[in-house]
Amino acid sequence: MILVLDEGTSSTRALLFDGTGQIHGIAQREIENRYPQPGWVEQDASEIWEATFAVAQEMVAKAGGAEVIDGIGITNQRETVVAWDPETGEPLAPAIVWQDRRTADACAALCKAGHEAEVQARTGLLLDPYFSATKMRWLIDNVPKVANCRQLAFGTIDSWLLFKLTGRHVTDASNASRTLLMDLEQVRWDEGLCDLFGILPRFLPEIVPMCGDLGETTLFGASIPVTGSVGDQQAATIGQGCLMPGATKATFGTGLFALASTGQERPSSQHRLLSTLLLDDGKHRLFALEGSVFVAGSLVQWLRDMAGLVNTADETEALARSVSDNGGVTIIPAFTGLGAPHWRPDVTGSVHGLTFGVTRAHLVRAALEAVTMSCRDLAEAFSADGAAWESLRVDGGMIANDWLAQDLADMLGLTVERPSNVESTARGAAMLAAAGAGLFEGIGEAVAAMLPVFVSFEPAGDRKARTGRISQWENVLGRALAP
């Protein structure tokens, strides 16, 4: 058995996998997101650990004890930053979540000073508050407990969980690649970038491969090795079997993240996409082109929790089907700014085209369509970079909605493949952990053994309606992006 710890933006979960990819148990706890100021998003790192430990204990008991677990795999929300004191093991400040925009001015100043081209060349990333380095700098500048801690430890969520489990201050290469501090080709901390952001390298964790011997934990009775660790979007790409050049997946979770494997060749984007490390198992390195949209499933969560338009996310499918179109409504889902390919942290969310004829169903349908159109914008950017999608594998809780899956196929004009079990992120972590534990000879063998079957959605629909929707979206988005 493989125990996967899947720490997301809205919840933390533990899952039990066997060597065929079958799931034998899931435990889940919600994680509170806090919004102390507009554009700020924080979490309690202690709450994350306590919830993770609780769900892990539940799954260890379900498995029959720690002795029958061959390895632990970790997958996590990326870019979120934790600062802690390694002597006490306690966090020094709230974790700053990947969605947080408080460092937008700092990023703009670095761009104005002409640093973005150099940063992109070294890291594959752009200067945006999404990434970790400016979050770290903000904590040093604004939290005295962080600034005055002599043994300060910084890390993304993988690093925090690995420390709490094993006592080691390490991070896997996929998460390190999202900090703005790692040389993407050398897979090591870049001293020049550390100087640029004012982060001492000794505060940073050691970068290790994504599978193998990452430490061991005795917190659940017998010793269990930690044999895999990977950022959630790389995990989902691996879990979908998208390792060969050109293979593309899109995850519809809190946000929308599309990755297209480029194999051993590091991509270079001319259209505001990201180059990222897809796989580093200690023997092989694979790269990917990535597009990151900050709002997807969180828009449905807003419909439910803040706007009160639905009681459950499941209601959105029936409501979308109940009307023939969006009633002229367009939603720009820039609740935390716009990500790829626009990268406009200053743009806010908005609703356009309201009339007295607009119903709850029209608003819900417009919200789902906003996610589809955000995905289409990504597809256009990938194509412009010479990485056109030939088909698309999708996962994430939001894509269980059949209407949305079909709408994607219609608007992209592509076959959309959805796995029979959409737990691709956790499955990818299980594949890595299984390979790292020696259950397979390598990640390729693990992927082949644990990959699920897929359901296909073929493009259909009216071409005129498709053209009209694209025109409506582009007109409204253009106004939203105007200075």
Protein backbone atom coordinates (compact mmCIF):
# COMPACT_ATOMS: atom_id res chain seq x y z
CA MET A 1 0.00 0.00 0.00
CA ILE A 2 1.02 3.60 -0.68
CA LEU A 3 -0.23 6.41 1.59
CA VAL A 4 -0.67 9.70 -0.27
CA LEU A 5 -0.96 13.01 1.55
CA ASP A 6 -2.71 15.46 -0.79
CA GLU A 7 -2.60 18.97 0.67
CA GLY A 8 -4.73 21.32 -1.44
CA THR A 9 -5.92 24.89 -1.12
CA SER A 10 -9.30 24.09 0.43
CA SER A 11 -8.67 20.73 2.11
CA THR A 12 -6.08 18.17 3.06
CA ARG A 13 -6.62 14.50 2.33
CA ALA A 14 -5.04 11.11 2.80
CA LEU A 15 -5.59 8.31 0.27
CA LEU A 16 -4.56 4.65 0.20
CA PHE A 17 -3.46 3.25 -3.17
CA ASP A 18 -2.43 -0.23 -4.17
CA GLY A 19 0.04 -1.10 -6.94
CA THR A 20 -2.66 -1.13 -9.63
CA GLY A 21 -3.80 2.42 -8.86
CA GLN A 22 -6.95 1.39 -7.02
CA ILE A 23 -8.00 3.55 -4.08
CA HIS A 24 -8.80 1.76 -0.82
CA GLY A 25 -9.69 4.71 1.37
CA ILE A 26 -9.94 8.50 1.54
CA ALA A 27 -10.02 10.80 4.56
CA GLN A 28 -10.45 14.56 4.29
CA ARG A 29 -10.41 17.71 6.44
CA GLU A 30 -11.20 21.22 5.22
CA ILE A 31 -8.56 23.95 5.56
CA GLU A 32 -9.68 27.49 6.35
CA ASN A 33 -8.63 30.26 3.97
CA ARG A 34 -8.44 33.69 5.56
CA TYR A 35 -8.69 37.02 3.75
CA PRO A 36 -7.44 39.70 6.18
CA GLN A 37 -7.24 42.38 3.46
CA PRO A 38 -8.36 42.59 -0.17
CA GLY A 39 -6.03 40.45 -2.26
CA TRP A 40 -4.52 38.68 0.76
CA VAL A 41 -4.99 34.93 1.26
CA GLU A 42 -3.57 33.17 4.31
CA GLN A 43 -3.71 29.80 6.03
CA ASP A 44 -2.57 28.48 9.41
CA ALA A 45 0.40 26.16 8.85
CA SER A 46 -0.26 24.44 12.18
CA GLU A 47 -3.83 23.72 11.09
CA ILE A 48 -2.50 22.25 7.84
CA TRP A 49 -0.17 19.93 9.72
CA GLU A 50 -2.74 18.90 12.33
CA ALA A 51 -5.33 18.13 9.65
CA THR A 52 -2.78 16.21 7.58
CA PHE A 53 -1.68 14.18 10.58
CA ALA A 54 -5.29 13.38 11.48
CA VAL A 55 -6.24 12.11 8.02
CA ALA A 56 -2.98 10.17 7.76
CA GLN A 57 -3.68 8.46 11.09
CA GLU A 58 -7.13 7.51 9.86
CA MET A 59 -5.75 5.88 6.70
CA VAL A 60 -2.92 4.11 8.54
CA ALA A 61 -5.55 2.55 10.79
CA LYS A 62 -7.67 1.61 7.78
CA ALA A 63 -4.66 -0.06 6.14
CA GLY A 64 -4.13 -2.19 9.23
CA GLY A 65 -1.09 -0.39 10.62
CA ALA A 66 2.08 1.32 9.50
CA GLU A 67 3.79 -2.01 8.84
CA VAL A 68 1.79 -2.64 5.64
CA ILE A 69 2.52 0.77 4.09
CA ASP A 70 5.47 0.67 1.68
CA GLY A 71 5.86 4.41 1.26
CA ILE A 72 4.34 7.87 1.68
CA GLY A 73 3.84 10.21 -1.25
CA ILE A 74 3.20 13.93 -0.77
CA THR A 75 1.53 16.28 -3.21
CA ASN A 76 0.62 19.86 -2.43
CA GLN A 77 -0.56 23.29 -3.44
CA ARG A 78 2.53 24.95 -4.87
CA GLU A 79 4.04 28.43 -4.23
CA THR A 80 2.38 28.80 -0.79
CA VAL A 81 5.07 29.84 1.71
CA VAL A 82 5.59 28.76 5.31
CA ALA A 83 8.20 30.31 7.64
CA TRP A 84 9.09 28.34 10.77
CA ASP A 85 11.65 27.95 13.51
CA PRO A 86 13.32 24.55 13.02
CA GLU A 87 14.35 24.43 16.68
CA THR A 88 10.78 24.64 17.98
CA GLY A 89 9.03 23.29 14.90
CA GLU A 90 6.49 26.11 15.10
CA PRO A 91 5.40 28.44 12.29
CA LEU A 92 6.38 32.08 12.72
CA ALA A 93 3.56 33.65 10.69
CA PRO A 94 0.48 32.67 8.72
CA ALA A 95 1.25 30.81 5.51
CA ILE A 96 0.93 33.09 2.47
CA VAL A 97 -1.14 31.20 -0.11
CA TRP A 98 -0.31 31.02 -3.81
CA GLN A 99 -3.38 33.13 -4.65
CA ASP A 100 -2.16 36.03 -2.49
CA ARG A 101 -1.49 39.32 -4.34
CA ARG A 102 0.06 41.47 -1.60
CA THR A 103 3.43 41.62 -3.38
CA ALA A 104 2.05 42.94 -6.68
CA ASP A 105 3.78 46.32 -6.23
CA ALA A 106 7.10 44.65 -5.46
CA CYS A 107 6.82 42.54 -8.61
CA ALA A 108 5.90 45.60 -10.67
CA ALA A 109 8.95 47.44 -9.34
CA LEU A 110 11.24 44.55 -10.30
CA CYS A 111 9.67 44.48 -13.78
CA LYS A 112 10.14 48.24 -14.15
CA ALA A 113 13.78 47.83 -13.15
CA GLY A 114 14.21 45.43 -16.06
CA HIS A 115 14.66 42.15 -14.16
CA GLU A 116 11.91 40.01 -15.70
CA ALA A 117 13.84 38.82 -18.76
CA GLU A 118 16.72 37.62 -16.59
CA VAL A 119 14.37 35.94 -14.12
CA GLN A 120 12.48 34.19 -16.90
CA ALA A 121 15.71 33.01 -18.54
CA ARG A 122 16.93 31.41 -15.30
CA THR A 123 13.68 30.10 -13.81
CA GLY A 124 11.19 29.79 -16.67
CA LEU A 125 8.80 31.95 -14.62
CA LEU A 126 7.52 35.53 -14.76
CA LEU A 127 7.61 38.20 -12.09
CA ASP A 128 4.23 37.77 -10.43
CA PRO A 129 3.06 37.63 -6.79
CA TYR A 130 1.88 34.06 -7.51
CA PHE A 131 5.39 32.72 -6.95
CA SER A 132 7.17 32.24 -3.65
CA ALA A 133 10.20 34.54 -3.51
CA THR A 134 8.42 37.85 -2.99
CA LYS A 135 6.22 36.21 -0.36
CA MET A 136 9.36 35.21 1.55
CA ARG A 137 10.75 38.72 1.26
CA TRP A 138 7.47 40.22 2.48
CA LEU A 139 7.56 38.03 5.59
CA ILE A 140 11.12 39.15 6.38
CA ASP A 141 10.20 42.81 5.90
CA ASN A 142 6.89 42.79 7.77
CA VAL A 143 6.96 40.09 10.46
CA PRO A 144 9.51 40.70 13.25
CA LYS A 145 9.42 37.06 14.41
CA VAL A 146 10.53 36.04 10.93
CA ALA A 147 13.15 38.75 10.56
CA ASN A 148 14.67 38.01 13.99
CA CYS A 149 14.74 34.20 13.75
CA ARG A 150 18.38 33.12 13.43
CA GLN A 151 17.55 29.57 12.38
CA LEU A 152 14.77 30.62 10.02
CA ALA A 153 13.41 27.94 7.69
CA PHE A 154 11.43 28.81 4.58
CA GLY A 155 9.58 26.27 2.49
CA THR A 156 6.58 25.47 0.37
CA ILE A 157 3.96 23.11 1.79
CA ASP A 158 5.85 19.96 0.75
CA SER A 159 8.85 21.17 2.72
CA TRP A 160 6.71 21.95 5.78
CA LEU A 161 5.12 18.49 5.76
CA LEU A 162 8.45 16.75 5.14
CA PHE A 163 9.93 18.61 8.11
CA LYS A 164 7.04 17.68 10.39
CA LEU A 165 7.19 14.04 9.26
CA THR A 166 10.94 13.44 9.10
CA GLY A 167 12.73 16.41 10.68
CA ARG A 168 14.55 17.14 7.40
CA HIS A 169 14.54 20.60 5.79
CA VAL A 170 14.20 19.54 2.14
CA THR A 171 12.00 20.32 -0.85
CA ASP A 172 11.41 18.36 -4.01
CA ALA A 173 12.62 19.77 -7.31
CA SER A 174 9.13 20.41 -8.73
CA ASN A 175 8.16 22.69 -5.86
CA ALA A 176 11.57 24.38 -5.83
CA SER A 177 11.04 25.24 -9.49
CA ARG A 178 8.07 27.44 -8.50
CA THR A 179 9.88 29.77 -6.12
CA LEU A 180 11.65 32.17 -8.56
CA LEU A 181 14.88 31.11 -6.83
CA MET A 182 15.86 27.87 -8.62
CA ASP A 183 17.96 27.63 -11.77
CA LEU A 184 15.68 25.49 -13.92
CA GLU A 185 18.46 23.80 -15.87
CA GLN A 186 20.89 23.22 -13.00
CA VAL A 187 18.16 22.37 -10.45
CA ARG A 188 19.86 24.32 -7.68
CA TRP A 189 19.33 27.56 -5.82
CA ASP A 190 20.64 30.51 -7.85
CA GLU A 191 22.78 32.88 -5.79
CA GLY A 192 22.04 35.82 -8.08
CA LEU A 193 18.30 35.34 -7.72
CA CYS A 194 18.61 34.94 -3.95
CA ASP A 195 20.45 38.27 -3.90
CA LEU A 196 17.81 39.90 -6.11
CA PHE A 197 14.99 38.93 -3.75
CA GLY A 198 17.03 39.28 -0.56
CA ILE A 199 16.72 35.66 0.57
CA LEU A 200 19.70 34.03 2.27
CA PRO A 201 20.29 30.55 0.79
CA ARG A 202 20.77 29.08 4.26
CA PHE A 203 17.08 29.76 4.95
CA LEU A 204 16.10 27.51 2.03
CA PRO A 205 15.65 23.73 2.04
CA GLU A 206 17.89 21.27 0.27
CA ILE A 207 16.53 20.38 -3.18
CA VAL A 208 16.01 16.63 -3.62
CA PRO A 209 14.57 14.42 -6.41
CA MET A 210 10.84 13.77 -6.52
CA CYS A 211 11.12 10.10 -5.60
CA GLY A 212 13.51 7.92 -3.63
CA ASP A 213 14.69 8.14 -0.04
CA LEU A 214 13.25 11.40 1.28
CA GLY A 215 13.40 10.39 4.96
CA GLU A 216 11.26 8.31 7.25
CA THR A 217 8.63 8.92 9.88
CA THR A 218 7.86 7.02 13.07
CA LEU A 219 4.80 9.12 13.97
CA PHE A 220 2.37 6.33 13.09
CA GLY A 221 3.97 3.50 15.03
CA ALA A 222 6.40 1.56 12.86
CA SER A 223 8.78 3.41 10.56
CA ILE A 224 7.38 4.39 7.15
CA PRO A 225 9.68 5.80 4.44
CA VAL A 226 8.68 8.92 2.55
CA THR A 227 9.42 7.97 -1.05
CA GLY A 228 7.69 10.61 -3.19
CA SER A 229 7.02 14.35 -3.17
CA VAL A 230 5.70 16.49 -6.00
CA GLY A 231 3.78 19.70 -6.66
CA ASP A 232 0.13 19.12 -7.43
CA GLN A 233 0.17 20.09 -11.10
CA GLN A 234 3.19 17.98 -11.93
CA ALA A 235 1.56 15.16 -9.97
CA ALA A 236 -1.63 15.41 -12.04
CA THR A 237 0.35 15.41 -15.28
CA ILE A 238 2.19 12.25 -14.22
CA GLY A 239 -1.06 10.74 -12.93
CA GLN A 240 -2.64 11.30 -16.36
CA GLY A 241 0.31 9.59 -18.06
CA CYS A 242 1.24 12.78 -19.94
CA LEU A 243 5.02 12.31 -20.01
CA MET A 244 5.69 12.04 -23.74
CA PRO A 245 6.35 15.32 -25.63
CA GLY A 246 3.08 16.93 -26.70
CA ALA A 247 0.88 15.15 -24.16
CA THR A 248 -1.30 17.74 -22.41
CA LYS A 249 -3.45 17.75 -19.27
CA ALA A 250 -5.58 20.40 -17.59
CA THR A 251 -6.56 20.28 -13.94
CA PHE A 252 -9.77 22.01 -12.84
CA GLY A 253 -9.35 22.44 -9.11
CA THR A 254 -9.31 25.70 -7.17
CA GLY A 255 -7.56 27.09 -10.24
CA LEU A 256 -7.02 25.84 -13.78
CA PHE A 257 -3.58 24.57 -14.71
CA ALA A 258 -2.61 23.20 -18.12
CA LEU A 259 0.73 21.46 -18.70
CA ALA A 260 2.12 20.12 -21.96
CA SER A 261 5.17 17.89 -21.73
CA THR A 262 8.17 18.95 -23.80
CA GLY A 263 10.26 15.93 -22.83
CA GLN A 264 13.93 16.58 -22.13
CA GLU A 265 13.82 19.92 -23.95
CA ARG A 266 13.28 22.96 -21.76
CA PRO A 267 10.62 25.15 -23.46
CA SER A 268 10.86 28.90 -23.90
CA SER A 269 7.59 30.81 -24.16
CA GLN A 270 7.06 33.98 -26.16
CA HIS A 271 3.40 34.24 -25.12
CA ARG A 272 3.48 34.58 -21.33
CA LEU A 273 3.41 30.89 -20.49
CA LEU A 274 5.74 29.26 -17.98
CA SER A 275 8.55 26.73 -18.30
CA THR A 276 8.51 24.27 -15.43
CA LEU A 277 10.14 21.07 -14.26
CA LEU A 278 7.80 18.14 -14.82
CA LEU A 279 9.88 15.24 -13.51
CA ASP A 280 13.19 14.78 -11.72
CA ASP A 281 13.54 11.27 -10.34
CA GLY A 282 17.29 11.50 -9.80
CA LYS A 283 18.01 9.89 -13.17
CA HIS A 284 15.79 11.69 -15.68
CA ARG A 285 14.53 15.24 -16.11
CA LEU A 286 11.46 16.20 -18.10
CA PHE A 287 10.12 19.71 -18.66
CA ALA A 288 6.72 21.18 -19.48
CA LEU A 289 5.09 24.34 -20.77
CA GLU A 290 2.48 25.55 -18.28
CA GLY A 291 -0.44 27.95 -18.21
CA SER A 292 -1.84 28.93 -14.80
CA VAL A 293 -5.31 30.43 -14.28
CA PHE A 294 -6.05 31.40 -10.69
CA VAL A 295 -9.82 30.87 -10.59
CA ALA A 296 -11.77 27.78 -11.68
CA GLY A 297 -13.44 25.65 -9.00
CA SER A 298 -13.11 28.56 -6.59
CA LEU A 299 -15.62 30.42 -8.80
CA VAL A 300 -18.19 27.69 -8.12
CA GLN A 301 -17.26 27.87 -4.45
CA TRP A 302 -17.99 31.61 -4.57
CA LEU A 303 -21.37 30.93 -6.23
CA ARG A 304 -22.18 28.63 -3.33
CA ASP A 305 -20.64 30.26 -0.26
CA MET A 306 -20.68 33.98 -1.02
CA ALA A 307 -23.30 34.63 -3.70
CA GLY A 308 -25.71 31.94 -2.43
CA LEU A 309 -26.77 30.94 -5.96
CA VAL A 310 -26.35 27.20 -5.37
CA ASN A 311 -26.40 24.98 -2.31
CA THR A 312 -23.95 22.43 -3.71
CA ALA A 313 -21.46 22.43 -6.57
CA ASP A 314 -23.36 19.51 -8.13
CA GLU A 315 -26.33 21.80 -8.83
CA THR A 316 -24.36 23.76 -11.41
CA GLU A 317 -24.63 21.07 -14.08
CA ALA A 318 -28.42 20.91 -14.05
CA LEU A 319 -28.70 24.72 -13.95
CA ALA A 320 -26.34 25.11 -16.92
CA ARG A 321 -28.38 22.59 -18.91
CA SER A 322 -31.67 24.31 -18.04
CA VAL A 323 -30.98 27.34 -20.25
CA SER A 324 -29.99 27.45 -23.91
CA ASP A 325 -27.30 30.11 -23.50
CA ASN A 326 -25.78 32.54 -20.98
CA GLY A 327 -28.48 35.17 -21.46
CA GLY A 328 -25.88 37.70 -22.59
CA VAL A 329 -23.92 37.45 -19.31
CA THR A 330 -20.12 37.26 -19.22
CA ILE A 331 -18.17 36.77 -15.99
CA ILE A 332 -14.50 37.78 -15.84
CA PRO A 333 -13.17 35.49 -13.07
CA ALA A 334 -10.34 37.76 -11.90
CA PHE A 335 -11.04 37.38 -8.18
CA THR A 336 -7.29 37.30 -7.50
CA GLY A 337 -6.14 38.99 -10.70
CA LEU A 338 -5.70 37.32 -14.08
CA GLY A 339 -3.03 34.68 -14.59
CA ALA A 340 -1.82 33.23 -17.89
CA PRO A 341 -1.64 34.37 -20.56
CA HIS A 342 -2.53 37.91 -19.37
CA TRP A 343 -0.71 38.22 -16.01
CA ARG A 344 -2.67 41.21 -14.74
CA PRO A 345 -2.75 41.21 -10.92
CA ASP A 346 -4.54 44.59 -11.01
CA VAL A 347 -7.70 43.31 -12.76
CA THR A 348 -10.63 42.36 -10.54
CA GLY A 349 -13.59 40.06 -11.12
CA SER A 350 -16.68 41.46 -12.82
CA VAL A 351 -20.10 40.50 -14.23
CA HIS A 352 -21.25 42.02 -17.54
CA GLY A 353 -24.52 42.01 -19.46
CA LEU A 354 -27.05 41.94 -16.62
CA THR A 355 -30.67 42.54 -17.62
CA PHE A 356 -34.01 41.79 -15.94
CA GLY A 357 -34.21 38.63 -18.04
CA VAL A 358 -31.11 37.13 -16.45
CA THR A 359 -31.84 34.25 -14.07
CA ARG A 360 -29.83 32.29 -11.54
CA ALA A 361 -29.28 29.60 -14.21
CA HIS A 362 -27.81 32.15 -16.63
CA LEU A 363 -25.33 33.35 -14.00
CA VAL A 364 -24.28 29.81 -13.14
CA ARG A 365 -23.87 28.92 -16.80
CA ALA A 366 -21.83 32.09 -17.39
CA ALA A 367 -19.55 31.10 -14.51
CA LEU A 368 -18.88 27.66 -16.03
CA GLU A 369 -18.39 29.25 -19.44
CA ALA A 370 -15.82 31.64 -17.93
CA VAL A 371 -13.73 28.62 -16.97
CA THR A 372 -14.08 27.13 -20.46
CA MET A 373 -13.06 30.41 -22.09
CA SER A 374 -10.09 30.78 -19.74
CA CYS A 375 -8.98 27.34 -20.90
CA ARG A 376 -9.45 28.37 -24.52
CA ASP A 377 -7.22 31.42 -23.94
CA LEU A 378 -4.54 29.05 -22.68
CA ALA A 379 -4.93 26.80 -25.71
CA GLU A 380 -4.42 29.80 -28.00
CA ALA A 381 -1.21 30.77 -26.18
CA PHE A 382 0.13 27.20 -26.29
CA SER A 383 -0.57 27.08 -30.02
CA ALA A 384 1.20 30.39 -30.58
CA ASP A 385 4.22 28.95 -28.76
CA GLY A 386 4.26 25.98 -31.15
CA ALA A 387 2.68 23.55 -28.68
CA ALA A 388 -0.84 23.19 -30.09
CA TRP A 389 -3.07 20.75 -28.22
CA GLU A 390 -4.07 17.68 -30.25
CA SER A 391 -6.25 16.36 -27.44
CA LEU A 392 -6.66 17.15 -23.77
CA ARG A 393 -6.77 15.00 -20.65
CA VAL A 394 -8.65 16.63 -17.78
CA ASP A 395 -8.99 16.04 -14.05
CA GLY A 396 -9.93 17.79 -10.82
CA GLY A 397 -13.17 17.84 -8.86
CA MET A 398 -14.80 20.47 -11.07
CA ILE A 399 -14.50 18.38 -14.23
CA ALA A 400 -16.81 15.68 -12.85
CA ASN A 401 -19.45 18.01 -14.34
CA ASP A 402 -20.36 16.37 -17.70
CA TRP A 403 -21.76 19.63 -19.09
CA LEU A 404 -18.44 21.40 -18.49
CA ALA A 405 -16.42 18.54 -20.02
CA GLN A 406 -18.58 18.64 -23.16
CA ASP A 407 -18.44 22.44 -23.31
CA LEU A 408 -14.64 22.25 -23.25
CA ALA A 409 -14.64 19.79 -26.14
CA ASP A 410 -17.04 22.03 -28.10
CA MET A 411 -15.19 25.30 -27.54
CA LEU A 412 -11.69 23.84 -27.99
CA GLY A 413 -12.70 21.72 -30.95
CA LEU A 414 -10.76 18.83 -29.38
CA THR A 415 -11.33 15.40 -27.90
CA VAL A 416 -11.39 15.77 -24.12
CA GLU A 417 -10.45 12.66 -22.14
CA ARG A 418 -11.48 12.31 -18.51
CA PRO A 419 -10.21 9.44 -16.36
CA SER A 420 -12.77 7.11 -14.80
CA ASN A 421 -11.37 8.26 -11.48
CA VAL A 422 -10.46 11.97 -11.42
CA GLU A 423 -7.97 11.63 -8.53
CA SER A 424 -5.06 12.23 -10.91
CA THR A 425 -3.06 14.43 -8.53
CA ALA A 426 -3.03 11.86 -5.75
CA ARG A 427 -2.44 9.06 -8.28
CA GLY A 428 0.64 10.83 -9.65
CA ALA A 429 2.05 11.12 -6.13
CA ALA A 430 1.27 7.43 -5.59
CA MET A 431 3.09 6.51 -8.82
CA LEU A 432 6.19 8.42 -7.72
CA ALA A 433 6.08 6.99 -4.20
CA ALA A 434 5.62 3.46 -5.52
CA ALA A 435 8.63 3.86 -7.83
CA GLY A 436 10.61 5.47 -5.01
CA ALA A 437 9.77 2.56 -2.70
CA GLY A 438 11.08 0.09 -5.27
CA LEU A 439 7.70 -1.44 -6.13
CA PHE A 440 8.48 -0.66 -9.79
CA GLU A 441 11.75 -0.29 -11.63
CA GLY A 442 10.97 3.30 -12.58
CA ILE A 443 8.27 5.90 -12.99
CA GLY A 444 7.39 4.70 -16.50
CA GLU A 445 6.58 1.21 -15.19
CA ALA A 446 4.56 2.71 -12.32
CA VAL A 447 2.54 4.88 -14.71
CA ALA A 448 1.78 1.91 -16.98
CA ALA A 449 0.60 -0.21 -14.05
CA MET A 450 -1.51 2.44 -12.27
CA LEU A 451 -3.07 4.46 -15.14
CA PRO A 452 -6.91 4.47 -15.19
CA VAL A 453 -9.26 4.11 -18.16
CA PHE A 454 -10.65 7.24 -19.83
CA VAL A 455 -14.04 8.53 -21.02
CA SER A 456 -13.98 10.68 -24.16
CA PHE A 457 -16.02 13.81 -24.97
CA GLU A 458 -16.02 14.62 -28.68
CA PRO A 459 -16.54 18.15 -30.05
CA ALA A 460 -20.07 18.90 -31.22
CA GLY A 461 -22.38 21.90 -31.08
CA ASP A 462 -23.26 24.75 -33.39
CA ARG A 463 -20.32 26.55 -35.06
CA LYS A 464 -22.21 29.86 -35.19
CA ALA A 465 -22.96 29.70 -31.47
CA ARG A 466 -19.28 28.92 -30.78
CA THR A 467 -18.14 31.94 -32.82
CA GLY A 468 -20.64 34.17 -31.03
CA ARG A 469 -19.48 33.08 -27.60
CA ILE A 470 -15.84 33.65 -28.47
CA SER A 471 -16.63 37.12 -29.77
CA GLN A 472 -18.66 37.98 -26.65
CA TRP A 473 -15.85 36.78 -24.37
CA GLU A 474 -13.10 38.61 -26.25
CA ASN A 475 -15.05 41.89 -26.34
CA VAL A 476 -15.73 41.88 -22.60
CA LEU A 477 -12.25 40.66 -21.70
CA GLY A 478 -10.73 43.38 -23.88
CA ARG A 479 -12.62 46.03 -21.93
CA ALA A 480 -11.53 44.49 -18.63
CA LEU A 481 -7.89 44.55 -19.73
CA ALA A 482 -7.99 48.12 -21.04
CA PRO A 483 -5.86 50.63 -19.07
